[in-house]
């Protein structure tokens, strides 16, 4: 859970900016968007497989370019 302590002399905009950075760092928004709708386990598995295949293709392409 993200929380910040605001000093008396701290500007509100600065505190909000600090809070937004903390939320982004912890990945709260990303997690919320991921869990917003139900996703079937098979869909999750297919998405992960496609992602791994893309990473592998990118890695092999990069490996061939070095030679």
PDB file of N, CA and C in Angstrom:
ATOM      1  N   UNK A   1       0.843  -1.166   0.000  1.00  0.00           N
ATOM      2  CA  UNK A   1       0.000   0.000   0.000  1.00  0.00           C
ATOM      3  C   UNK A   1       0.894   1.237   0.000  1.00  0.00           C
ATOM      4  N   UNK A   2       0.685   2.099  -0.945  1.00  0.00           N
ATOM      5  CA  UNK A   2       1.477   3.306  -1.073  1.00  0.00           C
ATOM      6  C   UNK A   2       0.911   4.408  -0.180  1.00  0.00           C
ATOM      7  N   UNK A   3       1.771   5.024   0.579  1.00  0.00           N
ATOM      8  CA  UNK A   3       1.364   6.173   1.375  1.00  0.00           C
ATOM      9  C   UNK A   3       2.555   7.102   1.527  1.00  0.00           C
ATOM     10  N   UNK A   4       2.282   8.370   1.677  1.00  0.00           N
ATOM     11  CA  UNK A   4       3.336   9.354   1.868  1.00  0.00           C
ATOM     12  C   UNK A   4       2.968  10.243   3.052  1.00  0.00           C
ATOM     13  N   UNK A   5       3.967  10.847   3.638  1.00  0.00           N
ATOM     14  CA  UNK A   5       3.755  11.783   4.729  1.00  0.00           C
ATOM     15  C   UNK A   5       4.042  13.173   4.186  1.00  0.00           C
ATOM     16  N   UNK A   6       3.063  14.064   4.293  1.00  0.00           N
ATOM     17  CA  UNK A   6       3.188  15.419   3.763  1.00  0.00           C
ATOM     18  C   UNK A   6       3.576  16.353   4.909  1.00  0.00           C
ATOM     19  N   UNK A   7       4.678  17.086   4.706  1.00  0.00           N
ATOM     20  CA  UNK A   7       5.098  18.073   5.698  1.00  0.00           C
ATOM     21  C   UNK A   7       4.195  19.302   5.620  1.00  0.00           C
ATOM     22  N   UNK A   8       4.212  20.089   6.677  1.00  0.00           N
ATOM     23  CA  UNK A   8       3.385  21.295   6.718  1.00  0.00           C
ATOM     24  C   UNK A   8       3.799  22.309   5.657  1.00  0.00           C
ATOM     25  N   UNK A   9       5.101  22.424   5.412  1.00  0.00           N
ATOM     26  CA  UNK A   9       5.573  23.430   4.469  1.00  0.00           C
ATOM     27  C   UNK A   9       5.766  22.881   3.049  1.00  0.00           C
ATOM     28  N   UNK A  10       5.377  21.642   2.802  1.00  0.00           N
ATOM     29  CA  UNK A  10       5.531  21.042   1.480  1.00  0.00           C
ATOM     30  C   UNK A  10       4.349  21.424   0.581  1.00  0.00           C
ATOM     31  N   UNK A  11       4.659  21.745  -0.661  1.00  0.00           N
ATOM     32  CA  UNK A  11       3.599  22.096  -1.607  1.00  0.00           C
ATOM     33  C   UNK A  11       2.787  20.856  -1.954  1.00  0.00           C
ATOM     34  N   UNK A  12       1.488  21.024  -2.125  1.00  0.00           N
ATOM     35  CA  UNK A  12       0.588  19.908  -2.401  1.00  0.00           C
ATOM     36  C   UNK A  12       0.925  19.243  -3.728  1.00  0.00           C
ATOM     37  N   UNK A  13       1.244  20.046  -4.766  1.00  0.00           N
ATOM     38  CA  UNK A  13       1.570  19.494  -6.081  1.00  0.00           C
ATOM     39  C   UNK A  13       2.791  18.578  -6.011  1.00  0.00           C
ATOM     40  N   UNK A  14       3.766  18.980  -5.193  1.00  0.00           N
ATOM     41  CA  UNK A  14       4.986  18.187  -5.045  1.00  0.00           C
ATOM     42  C   UNK A  14       4.670  16.849  -4.362  1.00  0.00           C
ATOM     43  N   UNK A  15       3.796  16.891  -3.363  1.00  0.00           N
ATOM     44  CA  UNK A  15       3.406  15.671  -2.653  1.00  0.00           C
ATOM     45  C   UNK A  15       2.637  14.735  -3.580  1.00  0.00           C
ATOM     46  N   UNK A  16       1.754  15.294  -4.405  1.00  0.00           N
ATOM     47  CA  UNK A  16       0.989  14.468  -5.351  1.00  0.00           C
ATOM     48  C   UNK A  16       1.926  13.822  -6.352  1.00  0.00           C
ATOM     49  N   UNK A  17       2.904  14.582  -6.839  1.00  0.00           N
ATOM     50  CA  UNK A  17       3.876  14.052  -7.787  1.00  0.00           C
ATOM     51  C   UNK A  17       4.660  12.896  -7.164  1.00  0.00           C
ATOM     52  N   UNK A  18       5.052  13.068  -5.901  1.00  0.00           N
ATOM     53  CA  UNK A  18       5.794  12.028  -5.190  1.00  0.00           C
ATOM     54  C   UNK A  18       4.927  10.777  -5.014  1.00  0.00           C
ATOM     55  N   UNK A  19       3.646  10.976  -4.701  1.00  0.00           N
ATOM     56  CA  UNK A  19       2.718   9.855  -4.553  1.00  0.00           C
ATOM     57  C   UNK A  19       2.551   9.108  -5.875  1.00  0.00           C
ATOM     58  N   UNK A  20       2.391   9.861  -6.978  1.00  0.00           N
ATOM     59  CA  UNK A  20       2.226   9.224  -8.291  1.00  0.00           C
ATOM     60  C   UNK A  20       3.444   8.387  -8.652  1.00  0.00           C
ATOM     61  N   UNK A  21       4.638   8.917  -8.367  1.00  0.00           N
ATOM     62  CA  UNK A  21       5.863   8.165  -8.648  1.00  0.00           C
ATOM     63  C   UNK A  21       5.910   6.871  -7.838  1.00  0.00           C
ATOM     64  N   UNK A  22       5.505   6.953  -6.570  1.00  0.00           N
ATOM     65  CA  UNK A  22       5.521   5.772  -5.712  1.00  0.00           C
ATOM     66  C   UNK A  22       4.528   4.719  -6.211  1.00  0.00           C
ATOM     67  N   UNK A  23       3.343   5.162  -6.613  1.00  0.00           N
ATOM     68  CA  UNK A  23       2.325   4.241  -7.129  1.00  0.00           C
ATOM     69  C   UNK A  23       2.822   3.580  -8.407  1.00  0.00           C
ATOM     70  N   UNK A  24       3.450   4.353  -9.293  1.00  0.00           N
ATOM     71  CA  UNK A  24       3.983   3.805 -10.543  1.00  0.00           C
ATOM     72  C   UNK A  24       5.100   2.797 -10.258  1.00  0.00           C
ATOM     73  N   UNK A  25       5.952   3.115  -9.301  1.00  0.00           N
ATOM     74  CA  UNK A  25       7.070   2.237  -8.950  1.00  0.00           C
ATOM     75  C   UNK A  25       6.577   0.901  -8.406  1.00  0.00           C
ATOM     76  N   UNK A  26       5.532   0.949  -7.596  1.00  0.00           N
ATOM     77  CA  UNK A  26       4.991  -0.274  -7.010  1.00  0.00           C
ATOM     78  C   UNK A  26       4.113  -1.057  -7.984  1.00  0.00           C
ATOM     79  N   UNK A  27       3.733  -0.449  -9.106  1.00  0.00           N
ATOM     80  CA  UNK A  27       2.960  -1.143 -10.123  1.00  0.00           C
ATOM     81  C   UNK A  27       1.494  -1.325  -9.764  1.00  0.00           C
ATOM     82  N   UNK A  28       0.952  -0.448  -8.964  1.00  0.00           N
ATOM     83  CA  UNK A  28      -0.428  -0.582  -8.505  1.00  0.00           C
ATOM     84  C   UNK A  28      -1.411  -0.399  -9.661  1.00  0.00           C
ATOM     85  N   UNK A  29      -1.203   0.612 -10.498  1.00  0.00           N
ATOM     86  CA  UNK A  29      -2.104   0.881 -11.625  1.00  0.00           C
ATOM     87  C   UNK A  29      -2.067  -0.277 -12.617  1.00  0.00           C
ATOM     88  N   UNK A  30      -0.860  -0.758 -12.920  1.00  0.00           N
ATOM     89  CA  UNK A  30      -0.705  -1.876 -13.858  1.00  0.00           C
ATOM     90  C   UNK A  30      -1.442  -3.109 -13.339  1.00  0.00           C
ATOM     91  N   UNK A  31      -1.301  -3.378 -12.041  1.00  0.00           N
ATOM     92  CA  UNK A  31      -1.968  -4.530 -11.429  1.00  0.00           C
ATOM     93  C   UNK A  31      -3.488  -4.364 -11.471  1.00  0.00           C
ATOM     94  N   UNK A  32      -3.976  -3.161 -11.228  1.00  0.00           N
ATOM     95  CA  UNK A  32      -5.410  -2.903 -11.273  1.00  0.00           C
ATOM     96  C   UNK A  32      -5.961  -3.149 -12.671  1.00  0.00           C
ATOM     97  N   UNK A  33      -5.275  -2.640 -13.682  1.00  0.00           N
ATOM     98  CA  UNK A  33      -5.744  -2.821 -15.056  1.00  0.00           C
ATOM     99  C   UNK A  33      -5.721  -4.288 -15.450  1.00  0.00           C
ATOM    100  N   UNK A  34      -4.731  -5.031 -14.946  1.00  0.00           N
ATOM    101  CA  UNK A  34      -4.639  -6.455 -15.259  1.00  0.00           C
ATOM    102  C   UNK A  34      -5.797  -7.228 -14.622  1.00  0.00           C
ATOM    103  N   UNK A  35      -6.218  -6.834 -13.435  1.00  0.00           N
ATOM    104  CA  UNK A  35      -7.271  -7.550 -12.714  1.00  0.00           C
ATOM    105  C   UNK A  35      -8.661  -6.949 -12.911  1.00  0.00           C
ATOM    106  N   UNK A  36      -8.775  -5.947 -13.760  1.00  0.00           N
ATOM    107  CA  UNK A  36     -10.053  -5.267 -13.948  1.00  0.00           C
ATOM    108  C   UNK A  36     -11.123  -6.213 -14.492  1.00  0.00           C
ATOM    109  N   UNK A  37     -10.740  -7.083 -15.404  1.00  0.00           N
ATOM    110  CA  UNK A  37     -11.671  -8.038 -15.990  1.00  0.00           C
ATOM    111  C   UNK A  37     -11.134  -9.449 -15.788  1.00  0.00           C
ATOM    112  N   UNK A  38     -12.041 -10.416 -15.707  1.00  0.00           N
ATOM    113  CA  UNK A  38     -11.641 -11.804 -15.556  1.00  0.00           C
ATOM    114  C   UNK A  38     -11.021 -12.291 -16.850  1.00  0.00           C
ATOM    115  N   UNK A  39      -9.919 -13.001 -16.701  1.00  0.00           N
ATOM    116  CA  UNK A  39      -9.240 -13.578 -17.858  1.00  0.00           C
ATOM    117  C   UNK A  39      -9.109 -15.081 -17.613  1.00  0.00           C
ATOM    118  N   UNK A  40      -9.554 -15.862 -18.577  1.00  0.00           N
ATOM    119  CA  UNK A  40      -9.507 -17.305 -18.421  1.00  0.00           C
ATOM    120  C   UNK A  40      -8.060 -17.774 -18.287  1.00  0.00           C
ATOM    121  N   UNK A  41      -7.831 -18.848 -17.534  1.00  0.00           N
ATOM    122  CA  UNK A  41      -6.472 -19.366 -17.384  1.00  0.00           C
ATOM    123  C   UNK A  41      -5.824 -19.743 -18.722  1.00  0.00           C
ATOM    124  N   UNK A  42      -6.610 -20.253 -19.657  1.00  0.00           N
ATOM    125  CA  UNK A  42      -6.048 -20.611 -20.958  1.00  0.00           C
ATOM    126  C   UNK A  42      -5.599 -19.365 -21.727  1.00  0.00           C
ATOM    127  N   UNK A  43      -6.335 -18.275 -21.580  1.00  0.00           N
ATOM    128  CA  UNK A  43      -5.961 -17.016 -22.224  1.00  0.00           C
ATOM    129  C   UNK A  43      -4.669 -16.473 -21.632  1.00  0.00           C
ATOM    130  N   UNK A  44      -4.537 -16.570 -20.326  1.00  0.00           N
ATOM    131  CA  UNK A  44      -3.310 -16.122 -19.663  1.00  0.00           C
ATOM    132  C   UNK A  44      -2.121 -16.934 -20.160  1.00  0.00           C
ATOM    133  N   UNK A  45      -2.306 -18.245 -20.250  1.00  0.00           N
ATOM    134  CA  UNK A  45      -1.237 -19.130 -20.712  1.00  0.00           C
ATOM    135  C   UNK A  45      -0.848 -18.804 -22.152  1.00  0.00           C
ATOM    136  N   UNK A  46      -1.831 -18.602 -23.015  1.00  0.00           N
ATOM    137  CA  UNK A  46      -1.530 -18.254 -24.408  1.00  0.00           C
ATOM    138  C   UNK A  46      -0.791 -16.932 -24.503  1.00  0.00           C
ATOM    139  N   UNK A  47      -1.193 -15.951 -23.712  1.00  0.00           N
ATOM    140  CA  UNK A  47      -0.539 -14.643 -23.734  1.00  0.00           C
ATOM    141  C   UNK A  47       0.918 -14.763 -23.280  1.00  0.00           C
ATOM    142  N   UNK A  48       1.164 -15.553 -22.244  1.00  0.00           N
ATOM    143  CA  UNK A  48       2.527 -15.743 -21.753  1.00  0.00           C
ATOM    144  C   UNK A  48       3.394 -16.473 -22.777  1.00  0.00           C
ATOM    145  N   UNK A  49       2.816 -17.483 -23.440  1.00  0.00           N
ATOM    146  CA  UNK A  49       3.571 -18.213 -24.466  1.00  0.00           C
ATOM    147  C   UNK A  49       3.948 -17.300 -25.624  1.00  0.00           C
ATOM    148  N   UNK A  50       3.005 -16.466 -26.070  1.00  0.00           N
ATOM    149  CA  UNK A  50       3.287 -15.535 -27.168  1.00  0.00           C
ATOM    150  C   UNK A  50       4.368 -14.539 -26.760  1.00  0.00           C
ATOM    151  N   UNK A  51       4.304 -14.076 -25.532  1.00  0.00           N
ATOM    152  CA  UNK A  51       5.299 -13.133 -25.035  1.00  0.00           C
ATOM    153  C   UNK A  51       6.690 -13.769 -25.015  1.00  0.00           C
ATOM    154  N   UNK A  52       6.773 -14.994 -24.545  1.00  0.00           N
ATOM    155  CA  UNK A  52       8.061 -15.695 -24.504  1.00  0.00           C
ATOM    156  C   UNK A  52       8.588 -15.946 -25.912  1.00  0.00           C
ATOM    157  N   UNK A  53       7.689 -16.278 -26.840  1.00  0.00           N
ATOM    158  CA  UNK A  53       8.113 -16.509 -28.228  1.00  0.00           C
ATOM    159  C   UNK A  53       8.676 -15.224 -28.835  1.00  0.00           C
ATOM    160  N   UNK A  54       8.017 -14.089 -28.553  1.00  0.00           N
ATOM    161  CA  UNK A  54       8.515 -12.799 -29.057  1.00  0.00           C
ATOM    162  C   UNK A  54       9.890 -12.489 -28.480  1.00  0.00           C
ATOM    163  N   UNK A  55      10.069 -12.726 -27.176  1.00  0.00           N
ATOM    164  CA  UNK A  55      11.364 -12.468 -26.539  1.00  0.00           C
ATOM    165  C   UNK A  55      12.450 -13.352 -27.141  1.00  0.00           C
ATOM    166  N   UNK A  56      12.114 -14.623 -27.391  1.00  0.00           N
ATOM    167  CA  UNK A  56      13.080 -15.551 -27.970  1.00  0.00           C
ATOM    168  C   UNK A  56      13.460 -15.138 -29.385  1.00  0.00           C
ATOM    169  N   UNK A  57      12.467 -14.740 -30.182  1.00  0.00           N
ATOM    170  CA  UNK A  57      12.743 -14.275 -31.543  1.00  0.00           C
ATOM    171  C   UNK A  57      13.637 -13.039 -31.525  1.00  0.00           C
ATOM    172  N   UNK A  58      13.346 -12.134 -30.625  1.00  0.00           N
ATOM    173  CA  UNK A  58      14.143 -10.907 -30.520  1.00  0.00           C
ATOM    174  C   UNK A  58      15.581 -11.240 -30.122  1.00  0.00           C
ATOM    175  N   UNK A  59      15.725 -12.168 -29.192  1.00  0.00           N
ATOM    176  CA  UNK A  59      17.054 -12.574 -28.727  1.00  0.00           C
ATOM    177  C   UNK A  59      17.841 -13.248 -29.841  1.00  0.00           C
ATOM    178  N   UNK A  60      17.194 -14.117 -30.621  1.00  0.00           N
ATOM    179  CA  UNK A  60      17.898 -14.804 -31.705  1.00  0.00           C
ATOM    180  C   UNK A  60      18.247 -13.825 -32.826  1.00  0.00           C
ATOM    181  N   UNK A  61      17.364 -12.872 -33.114  1.00  0.00           N
ATOM    182  CA  UNK A  61      17.671 -11.871 -34.128  1.00  0.00           C
ATOM    183  C   UNK A  61      18.865 -11.027 -33.712  1.00  0.00           C
ATOM    184  N   UNK A  62      18.906 -10.665 -32.454  1.00  0.00           N
ATOM    185  CA  UNK A  62      19.991  -9.855 -31.936  1.00  0.00           C
ATOM    186  C   UNK A  62      21.301 -10.657 -31.979  1.00  0.00           C
ATOM    187  N   UNK A  63      21.215 -11.957 -31.681  1.00  0.00           N
ATOM    188  CA  UNK A  63      22.400 -12.817 -31.699  1.00  0.00           C
ATOM    189  C   UNK A  63      22.992 -12.959 -33.090  1.00  0.00           C
ATOM    190  N   UNK A  64      22.135 -13.055 -34.122  1.00  0.00           N
ATOM    191  CA  UNK A  64      22.623 -13.178 -35.495  1.00  0.00           C
ATOM    192  C   UNK A  64      23.247 -11.887 -35.992  1.00  0.00           C
ATOM    193  N   UNK A  65      22.768 -10.767 -35.531  1.00  0.00           N
ATOM    194  CA  UNK A  65      23.265  -9.477 -36.002  1.00  0.00           C
ATOM    195  C   UNK A  65      24.698  -9.225 -35.525  1.00  0.00           C
ATOM    196  N   UNK A  66      25.100  -9.858 -34.407  1.00  0.00           N
ATOM    197  CA  UNK A  66      26.457  -9.633 -33.880  1.00  0.00           C
ATOM    198  C   UNK A  66      27.522 -10.309 -34.712  1.00  0.00           C
ATOM    199  N   UNK A  67      27.209 -11.368 -35.419  1.00  0.00           N
ATOM    200  CA  UNK A  67      28.236 -12.105 -36.180  1.00  0.00           C
ATOM    201  C   UNK A  67      28.635 -11.421 -37.427  1.00  0.00           C
TER     202      UNK A  67
END
